Amino acid sequence: MEDQYFTSGQFSAKNRAFLVGDAVKVSFFIKDAQLIMDEECYFFLMASMRKMRMNIPLTYTLEFFQSLFQKDVIEGKGIKEGIINFQVFRNSDGMTLAKSSISYFYEVEEKEDVLAVHPRPLELDLIKEINVNNNLLSNIRVHSPENIYGSIYAQENDLDDVILLNPNKRIARSTSGNLLFLEGDVIKVPKQSEGAYISPLLENFVTFLHKNNLADIQEHEIIAFESQKAEEILMISDEKGIFSVGKIRNKTFECSRFLELIESWKKSF
C-alpha cells in the first residue's frame, strides 16, 4: 500500500526535483503505530539539507514531523508498520537558489514488520561499468544516475541489485542501501568515506550490537573480492527495509546469525 502526499495539489513548474533532481530524501520508520528512531532520522534530514545548501524553514522542527506523521499517517491512514520516504525539494522562486523556498513530498510503504528481514534472499553481482563517488554528497540520498543505471542492469540480468564500487575499485554500497559482511564474530561495514550511505537504520542496528557486545563492528575499506569471503551478508536500506543476501555469482550465503542479531535488536524497541 502506498499513499502520496503533496504540499500543493500538483507539481509546480518551479519544482527543481522534477526539473534537475534538486532534492534530498530521508526515511522515517513506523513500528507498532509509533515513530521509531525519529530523532536520528530528523537530524539526518537537517544535515542533508544543509549539505545541499537548502533554505531550512524555521517550522521544520522535530515536533513538526512527529505531529505530521502521527496525524496524517499513523492516525489518519491507520499505518501500524511502514517506511515513510520523505523528500524535500527546492523551488525556483528566490533571488538565489540558497534563498529559494522548499517544499516536500512523501510516500508511505506499509510493511508487516518494518524491522524484519525480508523472507526472500537477494541475488547480487558486482557492476564494473560505473562507479559511485566518495565525496561529501555521496553519503546522502540525492539524485543518483548510478542507482538508476544499476537498477536497470540488475533487472536485465535477473538480479535483485548490484554492488557499486568507488573509483578505487572498493565496495561502496548497493543501489538500494548499505552492505554488512559477517566473518566469525566480526561484522565489516564499508566506511562512509568509501561512498556508503549515512543510514540511521544501520547506525541504530550496529550501535545496539556494539553496546551489547553481540558482534565486533569494524569499518573497513573492502575490495570487491572480499565479498566472496563473507559467511553472511546483510543489506540495510532505509528506503526499502532489511534483506539478506543469498548469492553473489557462484557463492551462496546463509543468514542464520544475522537473523538472530536482528531478532535481538527488534526486542529493544
C-alpha atoms as a PDB file:
ATOM      1  CA  MET A   1       0.000   0.000   0.000  1.00  0.00           C
ATOM      2  CA  GLU A   2       1.373   3.399  -0.940  1.00  0.00           C
ATOM      3  CA  ASP A   3      -0.121   6.820  -0.279  1.00  0.00           C
ATOM      4  CA  GLN A   4       1.212  10.053  -1.692  1.00  0.00           C
ATOM      5  CA  TYR A   5       1.023  13.461  -0.125  1.00  0.00           C
ATOM      6  CA  PHE A   6       1.872  16.882  -1.520  1.00  0.00           C
ATOM      7  CA  THR A   7       2.151  20.379  -0.113  1.00  0.00           C
ATOM      8  CA  SER A   8       0.088  21.551  -3.075  1.00  0.00           C
ATOM      9  CA  GLY A   9      -2.362  19.945  -5.428  1.00  0.00           C
ATOM     10  CA  GLN A  10       0.077  19.439  -8.270  1.00  0.00           C
ATOM     11  CA  PHE A  11       3.706  19.574  -9.243  1.00  0.00           C
ATOM     12  CA  SER A  12       4.774  23.117  -9.997  1.00  0.00           C
ATOM     13  CA  ALA A  13       6.957  24.212 -12.879  1.00  0.00           C
ATOM     14  CA  LYS A  14       9.199  25.624 -10.141  1.00  0.00           C
ATOM     15  CA  ASN A  15       9.799  22.159  -8.680  1.00  0.00           C
ATOM     16  CA  ARG A  16      13.543  21.628  -9.098  1.00  0.00           C
ATOM     17  CA  ALA A  17      13.316  17.983  -8.039  1.00  0.00           C
ATOM     18  CA  PHE A  18      11.361  17.334 -11.228  1.00  0.00           C
ATOM     19  CA  LEU A  19      13.487  19.659 -13.365  1.00  0.00           C
ATOM     20  CA  VAL A  20      17.051  18.950 -12.228  1.00  0.00           C
ATOM     21  CA  GLY A  21      16.907  16.456  -9.360  1.00  0.00           C
ATOM     22  CA  ASP A  22      17.449  19.154  -6.719  1.00  0.00           C
ATOM     23  CA  ALA A  23      16.132  17.209  -3.720  1.00  0.00           C
ATOM     24  CA  VAL A  24      17.158  15.122  -0.732  1.00  0.00           C
ATOM     25  CA  LYS A  25      15.396  12.101   0.726  1.00  0.00           C
ATOM     26  CA  VAL A  26      15.299  10.617   4.226  1.00  0.00           C
ATOM     27  CA  SER A  27      13.205   7.758   5.580  1.00  0.00           C
ATOM     28  CA  PHE A  28      11.193   7.673   8.799  1.00  0.00           C
ATOM     29  CA  PHE A  29      10.022   4.432  10.382  1.00  0.00           C
ATOM     30  CA  ILE A  30       6.764   3.326  11.985  1.00  0.00           C
ATOM     31  CA  LYS A  31       6.676   0.297  14.287  1.00  0.00           C
ATOM     32  CA  ASP A  32       3.673  -0.725  16.381  1.00  0.00           C
ATOM     33  CA  ALA A  33       1.915   2.518  15.378  1.00  0.00           C
ATOM     34  CA  GLN A  34       4.773   4.602  16.782  1.00  0.00           C
ATOM     35  CA  LEU A  35       7.605   6.531  15.145  1.00  0.00           C
ATOM     36  CA  ILE A  36      10.966   4.963  15.985  1.00  0.00           C
ATOM     37  CA  MET A  37      14.415   6.483  15.514  1.00  0.00           C
ATOM     38  CA  ASP A  38      12.603   9.715  14.654  1.00  0.00           C
ATOM     39  CA  GLU A  39      15.241  11.933  16.248  1.00  0.00           C
ATOM     40  CA  GLU A  40      18.087  10.281  14.321  1.00  0.00           C
ATOM     41  CA  CYS A  41      16.121  10.494  11.063  1.00  0.00           C
ATOM     42  CA  TYR A  42      15.250  14.142  11.688  1.00  0.00           C
ATOM     43  CA  PHE A  43      18.851  15.169  12.321  1.00  0.00           C
ATOM     44  CA  PHE A  44      19.938  13.276   9.200  1.00  0.00           C
ATOM     45  CA  LEU A  45      17.341  15.225   7.196  1.00  0.00           C
ATOM     46  CA  MET A  46      18.612  18.533   8.592  1.00  0.00           C
ATOM     47  CA  ALA A  47      22.241  17.573   7.842  1.00  0.00           C
ATOM     48  CA  SER A  48      21.334  16.501   4.304  1.00  0.00           C
ATOM     49  CA  MET A  49      19.533  19.785   3.630  1.00  0.00           C
ATOM     50  CA  ARG A  50      22.478  21.783   4.953  1.00  0.00           C
ATOM     51  CA  LYS A  51      24.872  19.875   2.692  1.00  0.00           C
ATOM     52  CA  MET A  52      22.673  20.792  -0.275  1.00  0.00           C
ATOM     53  CA  ARG A  53      22.587  24.442   0.884  1.00  0.00           C
ATOM     54  CA  MET A  54      18.815  24.378   1.246  1.00  0.00           C
ATOM     55  CA  ASN A  55      16.856  27.114   2.991  1.00  0.00           C
ATOM     56  CA  ILE A  56      15.546  25.222   6.035  1.00  0.00           C
ATOM     57  CA  PRO A  57      12.209  26.644   7.296  1.00  0.00           C
ATOM     58  CA  LEU A  58      12.011  27.547  10.986  1.00  0.00           C
ATOM     59  CA  THR A  59       8.919  25.335  11.179  1.00  0.00           C
ATOM     60  CA  TYR A  60      10.994  22.228  10.391  1.00  0.00           C
ATOM     61  CA  THR A  61      11.347  21.085  13.972  1.00  0.00           C
ATOM     62  CA  LEU A  62      11.328  17.520  15.246  1.00  0.00           C
ATOM     63  CA  GLU A  63       7.903  18.205  16.746  1.00  0.00           C
ATOM     64  CA  PHE A  64       6.597  19.297  13.319  1.00  0.00           C
ATOM     65  CA  PHE A  65       7.466  15.948  11.754  1.00  0.00           C
ATOM     66  CA  GLN A  66       6.263  13.950  14.735  1.00  0.00           C
ATOM     67  CA  SER A  67       2.901  15.711  14.566  1.00  0.00           C
ATOM     68  CA  LEU A  68       2.670  15.456  10.765  1.00  0.00           C
ATOM     69  CA  PHE A  69       3.259  11.712  10.646  1.00  0.00           C
ATOM     70  CA  GLN A  70       1.230  10.941  13.757  1.00  0.00           C
ATOM     71  CA  LYS A  71      -1.814  12.815  12.479  1.00  0.00           C
ATOM     72  CA  ASP A  72      -1.707  12.074   8.751  1.00  0.00           C
ATOM     73  CA  VAL A  73      -0.122   8.624   8.585  1.00  0.00           C
ATOM     74  CA  ILE A  74      -0.489   6.728  11.859  1.00  0.00           C
ATOM     75  CA  GLU A  75      -3.898   8.066  12.872  1.00  0.00           C
ATOM     76  CA  GLY A  76      -5.198   9.306   9.524  1.00  0.00           C
ATOM     77  CA  LYS A  77      -4.313   6.228   7.487  1.00  0.00           C
ATOM     78  CA  GLY A  78      -4.058   3.660  10.257  1.00  0.00           C
ATOM     79  CA  ILE A  79      -0.499   2.665   9.375  1.00  0.00           C
ATOM     80  CA  LYS A  80       0.999   0.484  12.114  1.00  0.00           C
ATOM     81  CA  GLU A  81       4.157  -0.683  10.341  1.00  0.00           C
ATOM     82  CA  GLY A  82       5.811   1.121   7.462  1.00  0.00           C
ATOM     83  CA  ILE A  83       8.521   3.269   5.943  1.00  0.00           C
ATOM     84  CA  ILE A  84       7.881   6.934   5.165  1.00  0.00           C
ATOM     85  CA  ASN A  85      10.160   8.087   2.344  1.00  0.00           C
ATOM     86  CA  PHE A  86      10.260  11.841   2.806  1.00  0.00           C
ATOM     87  CA  GLN A  87      11.657  14.074   0.055  1.00  0.00           C
ATOM     88  CA  VAL A  88      12.437  17.785   0.303  1.00  0.00           C
ATOM     89  CA  PHE A  89      12.908  19.713  -2.927  1.00  0.00           C
ATOM     90  CA  ARG A  90      13.931  23.252  -3.807  1.00  0.00           C
ATOM     91  CA  ASN A  91      11.666  25.643  -5.706  1.00  0.00           C
ATOM     92  CA  SER A  92      12.810  28.262  -8.224  1.00  0.00           C
ATOM     93  CA  ASP A  93      11.317  31.276  -6.504  1.00  0.00           C
ATOM     94  CA  GLY A  94      14.174  33.077  -4.757  1.00  0.00           C
ATOM     95  CA  MET A  95      16.716  35.688  -5.768  1.00  0.00           C
ATOM     96  CA  THR A  96      19.303  32.922  -5.378  1.00  0.00           C
ATOM     97  CA  LEU A  97      18.975  29.151  -5.091  1.00  0.00           C
ATOM     98  CA  ALA A  98      20.135  29.258  -1.487  1.00  0.00           C
ATOM     99  CA  LYS A  99      17.241  31.595  -0.659  1.00  0.00           C
ATOM    100  CA  SER A 100      14.575  29.725  -2.628  1.00  0.00           C
ATOM    101  CA  SER A 101      11.729  28.131  -0.703  1.00  0.00           C
ATOM    102  CA  ILE A 102      11.445  24.379  -0.289  1.00  0.00           C
ATOM    103  CA  SER A 103       8.501  22.014  -0.447  1.00  0.00           C
ATOM    104  CA  TYR A 104       8.082  18.381   0.474  1.00  0.00           C
ATOM    105  CA  PHE A 105       6.559  15.190  -0.824  1.00  0.00           C
ATOM    106  CA  TYR A 106       6.341  11.804   0.854  1.00  0.00           C
ATOM    107  CA  GLU A 107       5.043   8.332   0.275  1.00  0.00           C
ATOM    108  CA  VAL A 108       4.375   5.514   2.714  1.00  0.00           C
ATOM    109  CA  GLU A 109       5.138   1.848   2.120  1.00  0.00           C
ATOM    110  CA  GLU A 110       3.221  -0.326   4.545  1.00  0.00           C
ATOM    111  CA  LYS A 111       5.083  -3.339   5.998  1.00  0.00           C
ATOM    112  CA  GLU A 112       4.134  -6.337   8.108  1.00  0.00           C
ATOM    113  CA  ASP A 113       7.164  -5.671  10.304  1.00  0.00           C
ATOM    114  CA  VAL A 114       9.375  -2.701   9.488  1.00  0.00           C
ATOM    115  CA  LEU A 115      12.450  -4.275  11.160  1.00  0.00           C
ATOM    116  CA  ALA A 116      12.031  -7.815   9.839  1.00  0.00           C
ATOM    117  CA  VAL A 117      14.424  -9.362   7.332  1.00  0.00           C
ATOM    118  CA  HIS A 118      12.664  -9.830   4.001  1.00  0.00           C
ATOM    119  CA  PRO A 119      11.832 -13.545   3.565  1.00  0.00           C
ATOM    120  CA  ARG A 120      13.429 -13.907   0.126  1.00  0.00           C
ATOM    121  CA  PRO A 121      17.245 -13.628  -0.016  1.00  0.00           C
ATOM    122  CA  LEU A 122      18.688 -11.358  -2.696  1.00  0.00           C
ATOM    123  CA  GLU A 123      20.941 -12.285  -5.589  1.00  0.00           C
ATOM    124  CA  LEU A 124      23.585  -9.643  -6.290  1.00  0.00           C
ATOM    125  CA  ASP A 125      26.561  -9.149  -8.560  1.00  0.00           C
ATOM    126  CA  LEU A 126      29.277  -6.566  -8.985  1.00  0.00           C
ATOM    127  CA  ILE A 127      28.927  -3.939 -11.678  1.00  0.00           C
ATOM    128  CA  LYS A 128      32.123  -2.537 -13.164  1.00  0.00           C
ATOM    129  CA  GLU A 129      30.860  -0.257 -15.944  1.00  0.00           C
ATOM    130  CA  ILE A 130      30.130   2.548 -13.488  1.00  0.00           C
ATOM    131  CA  ASN A 131      31.216   3.591 -10.018  1.00  0.00           C
ATOM    132  CA  VAL A 132      29.989   5.941  -7.304  1.00  0.00           C
ATOM    133  CA  ASN A 133      31.869   8.884  -5.854  1.00  0.00           C
ATOM    134  CA  ASN A 134      33.075   9.125  -2.270  1.00  0.00           C
ATOM    135  CA  ASN A 135      32.729  12.852  -1.589  1.00  0.00           C
ATOM    136  CA  LEU A 136      30.578  14.954   0.756  1.00  0.00           C
ATOM    137  CA  LEU A 137      27.360  14.333  -1.194  1.00  0.00           C
ATOM    138  CA  SER A 138      27.896  10.607  -1.781  1.00  0.00           C
ATOM    139  CA  ASN A 139      26.660   9.735   1.709  1.00  0.00           C
ATOM    140  CA  ILE A 140      23.230  11.383   1.452  1.00  0.00           C
ATOM    141  CA  ARG A 141      20.266  10.314  -0.637  1.00  0.00           C
ATOM    142  CA  VAL A 142      20.236  12.687  -3.577  1.00  0.00           C
ATOM    143  CA  HIS A 143      19.619  12.152  -7.282  1.00  0.00           C
ATOM    144  CA  SER A 144      21.923   9.359  -8.464  1.00  0.00           C
ATOM    145  CA  PRO A 145      22.022   8.260 -12.117  1.00  0.00           C
ATOM    146  CA  GLU A 146      24.301   5.422 -10.948  1.00  0.00           C
ATOM    147  CA  ASN A 147      21.403   3.983  -8.955  1.00  0.00           C
ATOM    148  CA  ILE A 148      19.104   4.173 -11.976  1.00  0.00           C
ATOM    149  CA  TYR A 149      21.635   2.542 -14.292  1.00  0.00           C
ATOM    150  CA  GLY A 150      22.455  -0.118 -11.708  1.00  0.00           C
ATOM    151  CA  SER A 151      18.792  -0.948 -11.116  1.00  0.00           C
ATOM    152  CA  ILE A 152      18.149  -1.409 -14.841  1.00  0.00           C
ATOM    153  CA  TYR A 153      21.315  -3.517 -15.182  1.00  0.00           C
ATOM    154  CA  ALA A 154      20.091  -5.732 -12.336  1.00  0.00           C
ATOM    155  CA  GLN A 155      16.667  -6.192 -13.918  1.00  0.00           C
ATOM    156  CA  GLU A 156      18.142  -7.041 -17.313  1.00  0.00           C
ATOM    157  CA  ASN A 157      20.437  -9.646 -15.749  1.00  0.00           C
ATOM    158  CA  ASP A 158      17.847 -11.268 -13.476  1.00  0.00           C
ATOM    159  CA  LEU A 159      19.441  -9.843 -10.332  1.00  0.00           C
ATOM    160  CA  ASP A 160      17.838  -8.168  -7.349  1.00  0.00           C
ATOM    161  CA  ASP A 161      20.504  -5.487  -7.010  1.00  0.00           C
ATOM    162  CA  VAL A 162      24.140  -4.746  -7.817  1.00  0.00           C
ATOM    163  CA  ILE A 163      27.189  -3.891  -5.732  1.00  0.00           C
ATOM    164  CA  LEU A 164      28.588  -0.491  -6.635  1.00  0.00           C
ATOM    165  CA  LEU A 165      32.312   0.233  -6.339  1.00  0.00           C
ATOM    166  CA  ASN A 166      34.027   3.562  -5.766  1.00  0.00           C
ATOM    167  CA  PRO A 167      36.768   4.976  -8.047  1.00  0.00           C
ATOM    168  CA  ASN A 168      39.344   2.957  -6.066  1.00  0.00           C
ATOM    169  CA  LYS A 169      37.522  -0.271  -7.026  1.00  0.00           C
ATOM    170  CA  ARG A 170      36.425  -0.894  -3.432  1.00  0.00           C
ATOM    171  CA  ILE A 171      32.898  -1.686  -2.263  1.00  0.00           C
ATOM    172  CA  ALA A 172      30.753   1.377  -1.569  1.00  0.00           C
ATOM    173  CA  ARG A 173      27.149   0.122  -1.380  1.00  0.00           C
ATOM    174  CA  SER A 174      24.336  -1.324  -3.465  1.00  0.00           C
ATOM    175  CA  THR A 175      21.862   0.820  -5.385  1.00  0.00           C
ATOM    176  CA  SER A 176      19.385   0.435  -2.514  1.00  0.00           C
ATOM    177  CA  GLY A 177      21.455   0.569   0.652  1.00  0.00           C
ATOM    178  CA  ASN A 178      24.481  -0.495   2.665  1.00  0.00           C
ATOM    179  CA  LEU A 179      26.084  -3.908   2.941  1.00  0.00           C
ATOM    180  CA  LEU A 180      27.308  -5.671   6.083  1.00  0.00           C
ATOM    181  CA  PHE A 181      29.723  -8.613   5.843  1.00  0.00           C
ATOM    182  CA  LEU A 182      29.858 -11.190   8.652  1.00  0.00           C
ATOM    183  CA  GLU A 183      33.032 -13.231   9.212  1.00  0.00           C
ATOM    184  CA  GLY A 184      33.163 -15.084  12.521  1.00  0.00           C
ATOM    185  CA  ASP A 185      32.295 -12.564  15.222  1.00  0.00           C
ATOM    186  CA  VAL A 186      33.314  -9.600  13.057  1.00  0.00           C
ATOM    187  CA  ILE A 187      30.871  -7.516  11.022  1.00  0.00           C
ATOM    188  CA  LYS A 188      32.644  -5.430   8.399  1.00  0.00           C
ATOM    189  CA  VAL A 189      30.907  -2.315   7.112  1.00  0.00           C
ATOM    190  CA  PRO A 190      32.262  -0.117   4.274  1.00  0.00           C
ATOM    191  CA  LYS A 191      33.355   3.281   5.570  1.00  0.00           C
ATOM    192  CA  GLN A 192      31.273   6.304   4.685  1.00  0.00           C
ATOM    193  CA  SER A 193      34.436   7.744   3.119  1.00  0.00           C
ATOM    194  CA  GLU A 194      34.222   4.838   0.645  1.00  0.00           C
ATOM    195  CA  GLY A 195      30.852   6.045  -0.675  1.00  0.00           C
ATOM    196  CA  ALA A 196      28.471   4.242   1.692  1.00  0.00           C
ATOM    197  CA  TYR A 197      25.224   5.946   2.655  1.00  0.00           C
ATOM    198  CA  ILE A 198      24.691   7.560   6.029  1.00  0.00           C
ATOM    199  CA  SER A 199      21.881   5.389   7.386  1.00  0.00           C
ATOM    200  CA  PRO A 200      20.018   5.941  10.674  1.00  0.00           C
ATOM    201  CA  LEU A 201      18.661   2.398  10.388  1.00  0.00           C
ATOM    202  CA  LEU A 202      22.106   0.838  10.012  1.00  0.00           C
ATOM    203  CA  GLU A 203      23.661   3.052  12.682  1.00  0.00           C
ATOM    204  CA  ASN A 204      20.964   2.112  15.191  1.00  0.00           C
ATOM    205  CA  PHE A 205      21.499  -1.599  14.468  1.00  0.00           C
ATOM    206  CA  VAL A 206      25.297  -1.619  14.734  1.00  0.00           C
ATOM    207  CA  THR A 207      25.217   0.639  17.822  1.00  0.00           C
ATOM    208  CA  PHE A 208      22.910  -1.874  19.515  1.00  0.00           C
ATOM    209  CA  LEU A 209      25.253  -4.752  18.630  1.00  0.00           C
ATOM    210  CA  HIS A 210      28.297  -2.862  19.883  1.00  0.00           C
ATOM    211  CA  LYS A 211      26.720  -1.762  23.183  1.00  0.00           C
ATOM    212  CA  ASN A 212      25.548  -5.298  23.931  1.00  0.00           C
ATOM    213  CA  ASN A 213      28.810  -6.965  22.845  1.00  0.00           C
ATOM    214  CA  LEU A 214      26.976  -9.096  20.294  1.00  0.00           C
ATOM    215  CA  ALA A 215      29.491  -8.525  17.490  1.00  0.00           C
ATOM    216  CA  ASP A 216      32.737  -6.772  16.715  1.00  0.00           C
ATOM    217  CA  ILE A 217      31.765  -3.918  14.373  1.00  0.00           C
ATOM    218  CA  GLN A 218      34.585  -2.766  12.105  1.00  0.00           C
ATOM    219  CA  GLU A 219      34.520  -0.087   9.409  1.00  0.00           C
ATOM    220  CA  HIS A 220      36.720  -1.181   6.530  1.00  0.00           C
ATOM    221  CA  GLU A 221      37.965  -0.461   3.070  1.00  0.00           C
ATOM    222  CA  ILE A 222      36.668  -3.599   1.357  1.00  0.00           C
ATOM    223  CA  ILE A 223      37.932  -4.808  -2.010  1.00  0.00           C
ATOM    224  CA  ALA A 224      35.434  -6.489  -4.300  1.00  0.00           C
ATOM    225  CA  PHE A 225      36.877  -9.988  -3.810  1.00  0.00           C
ATOM    226  CA  GLU A 226      36.240  -9.848  -0.053  1.00  0.00           C
ATOM    227  CA  SER A 227      32.510 -10.195  -0.674  1.00  0.00           C
ATOM    228  CA  GLN A 228      33.236 -13.818  -1.545  1.00  0.00           C
ATOM    229  CA  LYS A 229      34.950 -14.417   1.818  1.00  0.00           C
ATOM    230  CA  ALA A 230      31.969 -13.451   3.951  1.00  0.00           C
ATOM    231  CA  GLU A 231      29.897 -16.094   5.719  1.00  0.00           C
ATOM    232  CA  GLU A 232      26.742 -13.957   5.701  1.00  0.00           C
ATOM    233  CA  ILE A 233      25.812 -10.640   4.062  1.00  0.00           C
ATOM    234  CA  LEU A 234      23.035  -8.276   5.064  1.00  0.00           C
ATOM    235  CA  MET A 235      21.721  -5.284   3.126  1.00  0.00           C
ATOM    236  CA  ILE A 236      20.101  -2.475   5.096  1.00  0.00           C
ATOM    237  CA  SER A 237      18.113   0.005   3.034  1.00  0.00           C
ATOM    238  CA  ASP A 238      16.424   2.940   4.761  1.00  0.00           C
ATOM    239  CA  GLU A 239      14.155   3.204   1.723  1.00  0.00           C
ATOM    240  CA  LYS A 240      13.147  -0.453   1.330  1.00  0.00           C
ATOM    241  CA  GLY A 241      13.975  -2.361   4.523  1.00  0.00           C
ATOM    242  CA  ILE A 242      16.302  -5.182   5.556  1.00  0.00           C
ATOM    243  CA  PHE A 243      17.371  -8.025   3.271  1.00  0.00           C
ATOM    244  CA  SER A 244      19.708 -10.999   3.454  1.00  0.00           C
ATOM    245  CA  VAL A 245      22.000 -11.688   0.503  1.00  0.00           C
ATOM    246  CA  GLY A 246      21.723 -15.286  -0.642  1.00  0.00           C
ATOM    247  CA  LYS A 247      24.007 -15.335  -3.679  1.00  0.00           C
ATOM    248  CA  ILE A 248      26.771 -13.377  -5.386  1.00  0.00           C
ATOM    249  CA  ARG A 249      27.874 -15.057  -8.603  1.00  0.00           C
ATOM    250  CA  ASN A 250      28.573 -18.701  -7.699  1.00  0.00           C
ATOM    251  CA  LYS A 251      28.874 -18.149  -3.945  1.00  0.00           C
ATOM    252  CA  THR A 252      25.842 -18.713  -1.710  1.00  0.00           C
ATOM    253  CA  PHE A 253      25.392 -17.351   1.795  1.00  0.00           C
ATOM    254  CA  GLU A 254      23.461 -18.300   4.915  1.00  0.00           C
ATOM    255  CA  CYS A 255      21.687 -15.776   7.170  1.00  0.00           C
ATOM    256  CA  SER A 256      21.135 -17.559  10.496  1.00  0.00           C
ATOM    257  CA  ARG A 257      23.473 -15.368  12.568  1.00  0.00           C
ATOM    258  CA  PHE A 258      22.141 -12.117  11.175  1.00  0.00           C
ATOM    259  CA  LEU A 259      18.568 -13.282  11.787  1.00  0.00           C
ATOM    260  CA  GLU A 260      19.403 -13.906  15.450  1.00  0.00           C
ATOM    261  CA  LEU A 261      21.021 -10.475  15.770  1.00  0.00           C
ATOM    262  CA  ILE A 262      18.072  -8.749  14.117  1.00  0.00           C
ATOM    263  CA  GLU A 263      15.636 -10.505  16.472  1.00  0.00           C
ATOM    264  CA  SER A 264      17.631  -9.317  19.497  1.00  0.00           C
ATOM    265  CA  TRP A 265      17.667  -5.779  18.098  1.00  0.00           C
ATOM    266  CA  LYS A 266      13.900  -5.754  17.477  1.00  0.00           C
ATOM    267  CA  LYS A 267      13.252  -6.581  21.134  1.00  0.00           C
ATOM    268  CA  SER A 268      14.997  -3.367  22.166  1.00  0.00           C
ATOM    269  CA  PHE A 269      12.166  -1.218  20.745  1.00  0.00           C
END
